[in-house]
Protein backbone atom coordinates (compact mmCIF):
# COMPACT_ATOMS: atom_id res chain seq x y z
CA UNK A 1 40.75 281.67 274.55
CA UNK A 2 43.52 282.79 272.13
CA UNK A 3 44.25 286.20 273.75
CA UNK A 4 47.51 286.87 275.38
CA UNK A 5 46.84 287.92 278.93
CA UNK A 6 48.62 289.46 281.86
CA UNK A 7 47.52 289.99 285.46
CA UNK A 8 46.71 293.48 286.97
CA UNK A 9 45.73 294.30 290.50
CA UNK A 10 43.14 296.89 291.47
CA UNK A 11 41.85 297.33 295.03
CA UNK A 12 41.44 293.76 296.36
CA UNK A 13 40.95 292.36 292.90
CA UNK A 14 43.23 290.67 290.51
CA UNK A 15 42.14 290.20 286.92
CA UNK A 16 43.72 288.93 283.67
CA UNK A 17 43.48 291.51 280.82
CA UNK A 18 44.51 291.19 277.14
CA UNK A 19 47.79 292.50 276.02
CA UNK A 20 47.34 295.17 273.40
CA UNK A 21 49.18 298.23 271.96
CA UNK A 22 46.50 300.49 273.39
CA UNK A 23 43.38 299.98 275.54
CA UNK A 24 41.27 300.70 272.43
CA UNK A 25 42.92 297.76 270.49
CA UNK A 26 42.09 295.29 273.14
CA UNK A 27 39.49 292.59 272.33
CA UNK A 28 38.09 293.08 275.89
CA UNK A 29 38.24 296.65 277.22
CA UNK A 30 40.13 297.56 280.42
CA UNK A 31 40.96 301.11 281.25
CA UNK A 32 43.24 301.45 284.36
CA UNK A 33 42.58 305.30 284.35
CA UNK A 34 39.10 304.51 285.30
CA UNK A 35 40.21 302.92 288.70
CA UNK A 36 39.29 306.11 290.57
CA UNK A 37 35.71 305.92 289.09
CA UNK A 38 35.50 302.40 290.47
CA UNK A 39 36.96 303.37 293.79
CA UNK A 40 34.28 306.01 294.25
CA UNK A 41 31.41 303.53 293.53
CA UNK A 42 32.96 300.99 295.86
CA UNK A 43 32.90 303.64 298.67
CA UNK A 44 29.25 304.55 297.78
CA UNK A 45 28.12 300.99 297.90
CA UNK A 46 29.78 300.50 301.38
CA UNK A 47 27.82 303.49 302.67
CA UNK A 48 24.51 302.65 301.12
CA UNK A 49 24.78 298.74 301.21
CA UNK A 50 22.58 297.54 298.37
CA UNK A 51 22.21 293.78 298.30
CA UNK A 52 21.62 292.89 294.55
CA UNK A 53 23.78 294.81 292.19
CA UNK A 54 24.36 294.76 288.36
CA UNK A 55 27.57 295.95 286.44
CA UNK A 56 25.63 296.01 283.11
CA UNK A 57 28.78 296.49 280.77
CA UNK A 58 31.46 294.48 282.52
CA UNK A 59 34.22 293.70 279.91
CA UNK A 60 37.02 292.09 282.06
CA UNK A 61 34.81 291.96 285.20
CA UNK A 62 37.04 294.23 287.30
CA UNK A 63 34.09 296.35 288.56
CA UNK A 64 31.76 293.48 289.51
CA UNK A 65 34.71 291.44 291.10
CA UNK A 66 35.48 294.60 293.25
CA UNK A 67 31.74 294.76 294.16
CA UNK A 68 32.01 291.19 295.43
CA UNK A 69 35.29 291.62 297.15
CA UNK A 70 34.95 295.13 298.67
CA UNK A 71 31.32 295.81 299.30
CA UNK A 72 28.45 294.35 301.36
CA UNK A 73 26.64 293.31 298.10
CA UNK A 74 25.27 289.76 298.36
CA UNK A 75 24.35 289.04 294.78
CA UNK A 76 26.47 290.54 292.09
CA UNK A 77 25.59 290.37 288.23
CA UNK A 78 28.23 290.96 285.66
CA UNK A 79 27.15 291.16 282.09
CA UNK A 80 28.76 291.72 278.59
CA UNK A 81 27.53 291.07 274.95
CA UNK A 82 31.11 290.11 273.97
CA UNK A 83 31.72 286.34 274.11
CA UNK A 84 35.44 286.87 274.73
CA UNK A 85 34.57 289.19 277.66
CA UNK A 86 32.18 286.44 279.01
CA UNK A 87 35.00 283.88 278.93
CA UNK A 88 37.44 286.19 280.55
CA UNK A 89 35.05 287.23 283.31
CA UNK A 90 34.69 283.45 284.18
CA UNK A 91 38.32 283.19 284.43
CA UNK A 92 38.63 286.29 286.48
CA UNK A 93 35.99 285.27 288.95
CA UNK A 94 37.81 281.92 289.55
CA UNK A 95 41.10 283.95 289.88
CA UNK A 96 39.53 285.65 292.98
CA UNK A 97 37.19 283.10 294.45
CA UNK A 98 37.69 279.45 295.29
CA UNK A 99 34.99 277.18 293.94
CA UNK A 100 33.27 276.25 290.68
CA UNK A 101 30.83 277.82 288.12
CA UNK A 102 27.63 276.27 287.11
CA UNK A 103 26.91 277.14 283.59
CA UNK A 104 23.72 277.03 281.58
CA UNK A 105 23.59 278.47 278.02
CA UNK A 106 25.13 282.06 278.26
CA UNK A 107 24.96 282.38 282.06
CA UNK A 108 27.41 280.98 284.71
CA UNK A 109 26.78 281.21 288.49
CA UNK A 110 29.22 281.18 291.31
CA UNK A 111 27.76 280.20 294.66
CA UNK A 112 29.78 280.91 297.75
CA UNK A 113 29.66 283.44 300.53
CA UNK A 114 28.28 285.63 297.81
CA UNK A 115 26.40 284.73 294.61
CA UNK A 116 28.06 285.98 291.46
CA UNK A 117 26.19 285.70 288.12
CA UNK A 118 28.17 286.04 284.90
CA UNK A 119 26.04 286.75 281.85
CA UNK A 120 26.67 286.98 278.15
CA UNK A 121 23.93 289.02 276.52
CA UNK A 122 22.90 292.42 275.33
CA UNK A 123 22.48 294.60 278.45
CA UNK A 124 19.15 295.94 277.46
CA UNK A 125 17.85 292.32 277.01
CA UNK A 126 19.11 291.32 280.57
CA UNK A 127 17.77 294.38 282.30
CA UNK A 128 14.33 293.94 280.37
CA UNK A 129 14.28 290.26 281.76
CA UNK A 130 15.16 291.28 285.34
CA UNK A 131 12.23 293.92 285.85
CA UNK A 132 12.56 295.85 289.11
CA UNK A 133 15.12 293.23 290.27
CA UNK A 134 18.14 295.24 291.25
CA UNK A 135 18.92 297.41 294.15
CA UNK A 136 21.75 299.07 292.30
CA UNK A 137 22.58 299.31 288.58
CA UNK A 138 25.89 300.64 287.25
CA UNK A 139 26.01 301.81 283.63
CA UNK A 140 29.58 302.50 282.65
CA UNK A 141 29.61 302.40 278.85
CA UNK A 142 32.27 303.57 276.24
CA UNK A 143 30.65 306.69 275.06
CA UNK A 144 26.96 307.65 275.93
CA UNK A 145 24.78 305.69 278.27
CA UNK A 146 21.53 306.83 276.58
CA UNK A 147 20.80 303.48 274.83
CA UNK A 148 20.72 301.76 278.17
CA UNK A 149 19.07 304.41 280.39
CA UNK A 150 15.50 303.63 279.75
CA UNK A 151 15.76 299.92 280.34
CA UNK A 152 17.93 300.46 283.51
CA UNK A 153 15.15 302.61 284.98
CA UNK A 154 12.80 299.73 284.56
CA UNK A 155 15.20 297.10 285.83
CA UNK A 156 16.24 298.84 289.04
CA UNK A 157 13.88 298.80 292.04
CA UNK A 158 11.57 301.65 292.38
CA UNK A 159 13.57 302.96 295.38
CA UNK A 160 16.84 301.66 294.01
CA UNK A 161 20.09 303.40 292.98
CA UNK A 162 21.41 304.12 289.63
CA UNK A 163 25.00 304.83 288.68
CA UNK A 164 25.63 306.42 285.24
CA UNK A 165 28.84 307.34 283.37
CA UNK A 166 29.05 309.22 280.15
CA UNK A 167 32.36 309.57 278.35
CA UNK A 168 31.17 311.35 275.26
CA UNK A 169 32.61 314.75 276.27
CA UNK A 170 32.33 316.29 272.86
CA UNK A 171 28.50 316.35 272.79
CA UNK A 172 28.04 317.27 276.38
CA UNK A 173 30.73 320.02 276.32
CA UNK A 174 29.10 321.64 273.29
CA UNK A 175 31.72 320.74 270.57
CA UNK A 176 28.99 318.62 268.92
CA UNK A 177 25.83 320.37 269.86
CA UNK A 178 23.63 318.44 267.42
CA UNK A 179 24.86 315.11 268.85
CA UNK A 180 23.94 316.36 272.39
CA UNK A 181 20.42 317.44 271.19
CA UNK A 182 19.94 314.01 269.65
CA UNK A 183 21.18 311.98 272.57
CA UNK A 184 20.47 313.99 275.67
CA UNK A 185 17.64 316.23 274.21
CA UNK A 186 19.40 319.34 275.43
CA UNK A 187 21.47 322.22 274.18
CA UNK A 188 25.02 322.21 275.66
CA UNK A 189 27.14 325.27 276.45
CA UNK A 190 30.72 325.42 275.08
CA UNK A 191 33.40 327.25 277.02
CA UNK A 192 34.63 327.36 280.65
CA UNK A 193 31.24 326.30 282.16
CA UNK A 194 30.94 323.14 279.91
CA UNK A 195 31.82 320.43 282.41
CA UNK A 196 29.28 321.58 284.96
CA UNK A 197 26.68 322.22 282.27
CA UNK A 198 27.27 318.81 280.78
CA UNK A 199 27.03 317.13 284.17
CA UNK A 200 23.68 318.97 284.74
CA UNK A 201 22.52 317.92 281.34
CA UNK A 202 23.25 314.16 282.21
CA UNK A 203 21.49 314.43 285.55
CA UNK A 204 18.57 316.24 283.99
CA UNK A 205 18.00 313.65 281.26
CA UNK A 206 18.05 311.00 284.01
CA UNK A 207 15.30 312.89 285.84
CA UNK A 208 13.13 313.22 282.66
CA UNK A 209 13.44 309.54 281.80
CA UNK A 210 12.57 308.66 285.40
CA UNK A 211 9.59 310.82 285.44
CA UNK A 212 7.95 308.64 282.55
CA UNK A 213 7.64 305.85 285.12
CA UNK A 214 6.20 307.87 287.93
CA UNK A 215 9.75 308.08 289.58
CA UNK A 216 11.38 311.02 291.31
CA UNK A 217 14.94 310.94 292.34
CA UNK A 218 17.67 312.51 294.62
CA UNK A 219 21.19 313.14 293.46
CA UNK A 220 23.54 311.37 295.78
CA UNK A 221 26.61 312.64 293.80
CA UNK A 222 27.27 313.98 290.33
CA UNK A 223 30.68 315.20 289.20
CA UNK A 224 33.16 315.56 286.30
CA UNK A 225 36.64 314.13 286.32
CA UNK A 226 39.21 313.59 283.72
CA UNK A 227 37.25 312.74 280.57
CA UNK A 228 34.05 311.49 281.88
CA UNK A 229 30.85 312.63 283.62
CA UNK A 230 29.44 310.63 286.55
CA UNK A 231 26.07 310.66 288.43
CA UNK A 232 24.53 308.49 291.25
CA UNK A 233 20.81 308.98 291.85
CA UNK A 234 18.40 307.36 294.47
CA UNK A 235 14.95 306.80 292.98
CA UNK A 236 11.81 307.94 294.69
CA UNK A 237 8.59 306.10 294.14
CA UNK A 238 5.38 307.91 292.96
CA UNK A 239 4.00 310.34 290.51
CA UNK A 240 4.10 313.20 293.00
CA UNK A 241 7.91 312.55 293.58
CA UNK A 242 8.30 312.66 289.81
CA UNK A 243 6.53 315.99 289.61
CA UNK A 244 8.66 317.38 292.48
CA UNK A 245 11.82 316.28 290.79
CA UNK A 246 10.99 317.82 287.52
CA UNK A 247 10.70 321.23 289.36
CA UNK A 248 14.62 321.05 289.57
CA UNK A 249 14.79 321.30 285.78
CA UNK A 250 15.64 324.53 284.03
CA UNK A 251 18.02 326.54 281.71
CA UNK A 252 21.20 328.55 281.71
CA UNK A 253 21.62 331.94 280.03
CA UNK A 254 25.22 332.98 279.45
CA UNK A 255 26.71 336.22 278.06
CA UNK A 256 29.83 335.43 276.18
CA UNK A 257 30.97 339.01 276.23
CA UNK A 258 30.77 339.50 279.91
CA UNK A 259 30.76 336.06 281.43
CA UNK A 260 27.59 336.78 283.29
CA UNK A 261 25.27 333.91 283.72
CA UNK A 262 21.68 333.35 285.02
CA UNK A 263 19.71 330.34 285.68
CA UNK A 264 15.91 329.75 285.38
CA UNK A 265 13.97 326.87 286.95
CA UNK A 266 11.28 326.19 284.33
CA UNK A 267 10.44 323.15 282.19
CA UNK A 268 10.22 325.37 279.16
CA UNK A 269 12.60 328.31 278.63
CA UNK A 270 11.08 331.77 278.58
CA UNK A 271 13.90 333.48 276.70
CA UNK A 272 16.00 332.77 273.56
CA UNK A 273 19.52 331.46 273.58
CA UNK A 274 18.80 329.03 276.55
CA UNK A 275 21.12 326.20 277.31
CA UNK A 276 19.41 323.10 278.60
CA UNK A 277 17.13 321.70 279.82
CA UNK A 278 19.31 320.65 282.69
CA UNK A 279 19.41 319.90 286.39
CA UNK A 280 19.48 322.88 288.61
CA UNK A 281 19.00 321.09 291.91
CA UNK A 282 21.73 319.88 294.26
CA UNK A 283 24.57 317.64 292.84
CA UNK A 284 25.31 315.88 296.15
CA UNK A 285 23.77 314.50 299.37
CA UNK A 286 26.24 316.01 301.83
CA UNK A 287 25.65 313.23 304.43
CA UNK A 288 26.38 310.45 301.85
CA UNK A 289 29.53 312.25 300.52
CA UNK A 290 30.75 312.90 304.13
CA UNK A 291 30.32 309.19 305.05
CA UNK A 292 32.23 308.14 301.98
CA UNK A 293 34.99 310.55 302.93
CA UNK A 294 34.93 309.35 306.55
CA UNK A 295 35.21 305.68 305.46
CA UNK A 296 38.19 306.45 303.13
CA UNK A 297 39.97 308.53 305.80
CA UNK A 298 39.44 305.63 308.32
CA UNK A 299 41.73 303.28 306.38
CA UNK A 300 39.40 301.74 303.70
CA UNK A 301 41.53 300.29 300.94
CA UNK A 302 41.11 301.71 297.43
CA UNK A 303 43.29 301.58 294.34
CA UNK A 304 43.98 305.38 294.18
CA UNK A 305 43.74 306.65 297.68
CA UNK A 306 45.25 310.24 297.36
CA UNK A 307 43.45 311.02 294.12
CA UNK A 308 40.04 309.82 295.45
CA UNK A 309 40.65 311.55 298.75
CA UNK A 310 41.39 314.90 296.94
CA UNK A 311 38.17 314.44 294.84
CA UNK A 312 35.77 313.47 297.63
CA UNK A 313 37.26 316.26 299.95
CA UNK A 314 36.70 318.94 297.06
CA UNK A 315 33.21 317.57 296.45
CA UNK A 316 32.31 317.64 300.08
CA UNK A 317 33.46 321.34 300.69
CA UNK A 318 32.22 322.64 297.43
CA UNK A 319 29.33 325.05 297.44
CA UNK A 320 26.30 323.20 296.07
CA UNK A 321 24.70 325.92 293.75
CA UNK A 322 24.54 326.06 289.91
CA UNK A 323 27.71 327.33 288.08
CA UNK A 324 30.72 329.26 288.89
CA UNK A 325 32.97 332.14 287.76
CA UNK A 326 36.25 331.11 286.08
CA UNK A 327 38.74 333.69 287.12
CA UNK A 328 41.01 333.26 284.22
CA UNK A 329 38.29 333.44 281.61
CA UNK A 330 36.56 336.45 283.31
CA UNK A 331 39.90 338.22 283.69
CA UNK A 332 40.58 337.81 279.99
CA UNK A 333 37.09 339.18 279.05
CA UNK A 334 37.38 342.18 281.34
CA UNK A 335 41.14 342.66 280.79
CA UNK A 336 41.77 342.08 284.61
CA UNK A 337 44.80 340.39 285.95
CA UNK A 338 43.26 337.48 287.96
CA UNK A 339 44.17 337.36 291.68
CA UNK A 340 44.72 334.09 293.61
CA UNK A 341 41.64 332.17 294.12
CA UNK A 342 42.27 332.04 297.94
CA UNK A 343 42.41 335.88 298.09
CA UNK A 344 39.13 336.33 296.08
CA UNK A 345 37.35 333.70 298.36
CA UNK A 346 38.62 335.33 301.60
CA UNK A 347 37.45 338.78 300.36
CA UNK A 348 34.06 337.39 299.39
CA UNK A 349 33.56 335.72 302.73
CA UNK A 350 34.54 338.88 304.56
CA UNK A 351 31.65 340.65 302.80
CA UNK A 352 29.23 337.91 304.05
CA UNK A 353 29.00 335.73 300.92
CA UNK A 354 29.66 332.06 300.63
CA UNK A 355 32.48 331.05 298.37
CA UNK A 356 34.53 327.86 297.58
CA UNK A 357 36.69 326.39 294.91
CA UNK A 358 34.98 324.01 292.48
CA UNK A 359 36.16 320.64 291.09
CA UNK A 360 34.76 321.64 287.71
CA UNK A 361 37.70 324.03 287.14
CA UNK A 362 41.07 324.69 288.79
CA UNK A 363 40.47 328.41 288.27
CA UNK A 364 36.75 328.51 289.19
CA UNK A 365 34.90 329.90 292.25
CA UNK A 366 31.36 329.02 293.25
CA UNK A 367 29.66 331.78 295.25
CA UNK A 368 26.35 333.27 295.89
CA UNK A 369 27.72 336.83 295.42
CA UNK A 370 26.15 338.82 292.40
CA UNK A 371 28.18 339.14 289.19
CA UNK A 372 28.82 342.84 289.89
CA UNK A 373 30.26 342.05 293.40
CA UNK A 374 32.52 339.33 292.15
CA UNK A 375 33.86 341.62 289.38
CA UNK A 376 34.46 344.38 291.89
CA UNK A 377 36.50 341.98 294.14
CA UNK A 378 38.55 340.94 291.14
CA UNK A 379 39.37 344.43 290.20
CA UNK A 380 40.52 345.35 293.72
CA UNK A 381 44.37 345.68 294.04
């Protein structure tokens, strides 16, 4: 291996990564900014305890090694099509675990307290080979996950868990609507609601793909952070479960002039200028998120404690309904000086409505109050 390497530490793992001017110049990709993403999935796996897990696009192997070191998973598969990544993963496994690797063709197996399988192949080919094998599959590609989603839904067990990351924010946020239509089969919404709409488009397309295989799903957690969209879903077996899941699909209607929005649960839109189809059901299982938060607060070691604590606390407290009002965008439209979020939330609650901040926007409020009521509260001195 001719790469110049240096050692980094993340969570309980230590890995060698290539030296490069930027992360995008590296022959094997490693992004330290995605450590919180890996922290969250480690917490999730500690709550749900799947036994056989796959990191389908492993690069340096940091995610899979953290699964082996920090979660109860018993059999961890790490895969990458890049031969340099495969060689580096082998080095990194041996950096963290004492023992030897048994290698056959493009697969190396470490047998110890846990079984670690390092694979050098196209992710779709591996997942097609291991039909209904994994309890959990994590898809964390560079860009869109769509080329891997179909195969992942056939490789994970019928009651398994799927983690999906999308980093192609331009299509999902409406800057490239045609790309979103091609990849996600949905019309995106540009503007202040784009991060939530993008998240719901991602969850919605997972639901539609799953339904083809007579699978329903429950969203364990879906969120947007920094530059990526993230979703974890638990599959449910059966055509009826698939039908029930599709009932959570629908469309958003948004008035650019006023900032008023409406949602419609329907497989086909009934009005023009609809955004979607997208997921209008819950974006979290409150019990699961609560247990993740409890585990973190109890002293569980992660790489970015404060950042992940802030995120999970916000997600746990956030009102789980579609969309929100962005006070700055709304104030600009209506020529109103926006008040402090805390004041608006307090006023709405005093009127009997639910209201919380949202992680999708630092100036956003989720509430079940009607548009007219929200505007009235904003106008009050």
